[in-house]
C-alpha atoms as a PDB file:
ATOM      1  CA  UNK A   1      78.547 -13.087 -30.292  1.00  0.00           C
ATOM      2  CA  UNK A   2      75.016 -11.235 -28.948  1.00  0.00           C
ATOM      3  CA  UNK A   3      74.970  -9.719 -32.651  1.00  0.00           C
ATOM      4  CA  UNK A   4      75.289 -13.086 -34.366  1.00  0.00           C
ATOM      5  CA  UNK A   5      72.092 -14.385 -32.327  1.00  0.00           C
ATOM      6  CA  UNK A   6      70.104 -11.510 -32.696  1.00  0.00           C
ATOM      7  CA  UNK A   7      71.076 -12.202 -36.861  1.00  0.00           C
ATOM      8  CA  UNK A   8      69.892 -16.025 -36.399  1.00  0.00           C
ATOM      9  CA  UNK A   9      67.166 -15.595 -34.307  1.00  0.00           C
ATOM     10  CA  UNK A  10      65.596 -12.794 -36.612  1.00  0.00           C
ATOM     11  CA  UNK A  11      66.511 -15.112 -40.062  1.00  0.00           C
ATOM     12  CA  UNK A  12      64.651 -17.978 -38.070  1.00  0.00           C
ATOM     13  CA  UNK A  13      61.973 -15.800 -37.600  1.00  0.00           C
ATOM     14  CA  UNK A  14      61.670 -14.592 -41.097  1.00  0.00           C
ATOM     15  CA  UNK A  15      61.943 -18.332 -42.390  1.00  0.00           C
ATOM     16  CA  UNK A  16      58.928 -19.367 -40.292  1.00  0.00           C
ATOM     17  CA  UNK A  17      56.871 -16.571 -41.894  1.00  0.00           C
ATOM     18  CA  UNK A  18      57.877 -18.103 -45.286  1.00  0.00           C
ATOM     19  CA  UNK A  19      57.355 -21.644 -44.399  1.00  0.00           C
ATOM     20  CA  UNK A  20      53.972 -20.667 -42.868  1.00  0.00           C
ATOM     21  CA  UNK A  21      53.192 -18.789 -46.363  1.00  0.00           C
ATOM     22  CA  UNK A  22      54.528 -21.150 -48.343  1.00  0.00           C
ATOM     23  CA  UNK A  23      52.180 -23.949 -50.444  1.00  0.00           C
ATOM     24  CA  UNK A  24      54.948 -25.594 -52.834  1.00  0.00           C
ATOM     25  CA  UNK A  25      55.556 -28.613 -50.091  1.00  0.00           C
ATOM     26  CA  UNK A  26      59.103 -29.293 -52.165  1.00  0.00           C
ATOM     27  CA  UNK A  27      59.776 -25.450 -51.123  1.00  0.00           C
ATOM     28  CA  UNK A  28      58.477 -25.659 -47.685  1.00  0.00           C
ATOM     29  CA  UNK A  29      60.812 -29.024 -47.046  1.00  0.00           C
ATOM     30  CA  UNK A  30      63.973 -27.126 -48.033  1.00  0.00           C
ATOM     31  CA  UNK A  31      62.774 -23.892 -45.912  1.00  0.00           C
ATOM     32  CA  UNK A  32      62.272 -26.022 -42.745  1.00  0.00           C
ATOM     33  CA  UNK A  33      65.864 -27.802 -43.270  1.00  0.00           C
ATOM     34  CA  UNK A  34      67.596 -24.429 -43.450  1.00  0.00           C
ATOM     35  CA  UNK A  35      65.257 -23.103 -40.327  1.00  0.00           C
ATOM     36  CA  UNK A  36      66.466 -26.381 -38.399  1.00  0.00           C
ATOM     37  CA  UNK A  37      70.019 -25.647 -39.351  1.00  0.00           C
ATOM     38  CA  UNK A  38      69.657 -22.044 -37.955  1.00  0.00           C
ATOM     39  CA  UNK A  39      67.768 -23.409 -34.806  1.00  0.00           C
ATOM     40  CA  UNK A  40      71.313 -25.551 -34.585  1.00  0.00           C
ATOM     41  CA  UNK A  41      73.331 -22.705 -34.671  1.00  0.00           C
ATOM     42  CA  UNK A  42      71.559 -20.305 -32.396  1.00  0.00           C
ATOM     43  CA  UNK A  43      71.751 -23.429 -29.714  1.00  0.00           C
ATOM     44  CA  UNK A  44      75.192 -24.066 -30.104  1.00  0.00           C
ATOM     45  CA  UNK A  45      75.987 -20.150 -29.499  1.00  0.00           C
ATOM     46  CA  UNK A  46      73.616 -20.064 -26.827  1.00  0.00           C
ATOM     47  CA  UNK A  47      74.906 -23.230 -25.027  1.00  0.00           C
ATOM     48  CA  UNK A  48      79.005 -22.064 -25.670  1.00  0.00           C
ATOM     49  CA  UNK A  49      78.071 -18.444 -23.914  1.00  0.00           C
ATOM     50  CA  UNK A  50      76.248 -20.224 -20.918  1.00  0.00           C
END
């Protein structure tokens, strides 16, 4: 499970960087939606591990 959290956090960081460097508002919205889903997965895994 720890490996899953690490991978999800890395993916979230990559998406955050991509969002910051993207000028296209439609793409930025889609990336932000993906990022929110990943954050929800991170929270769910963190809560189940606690």
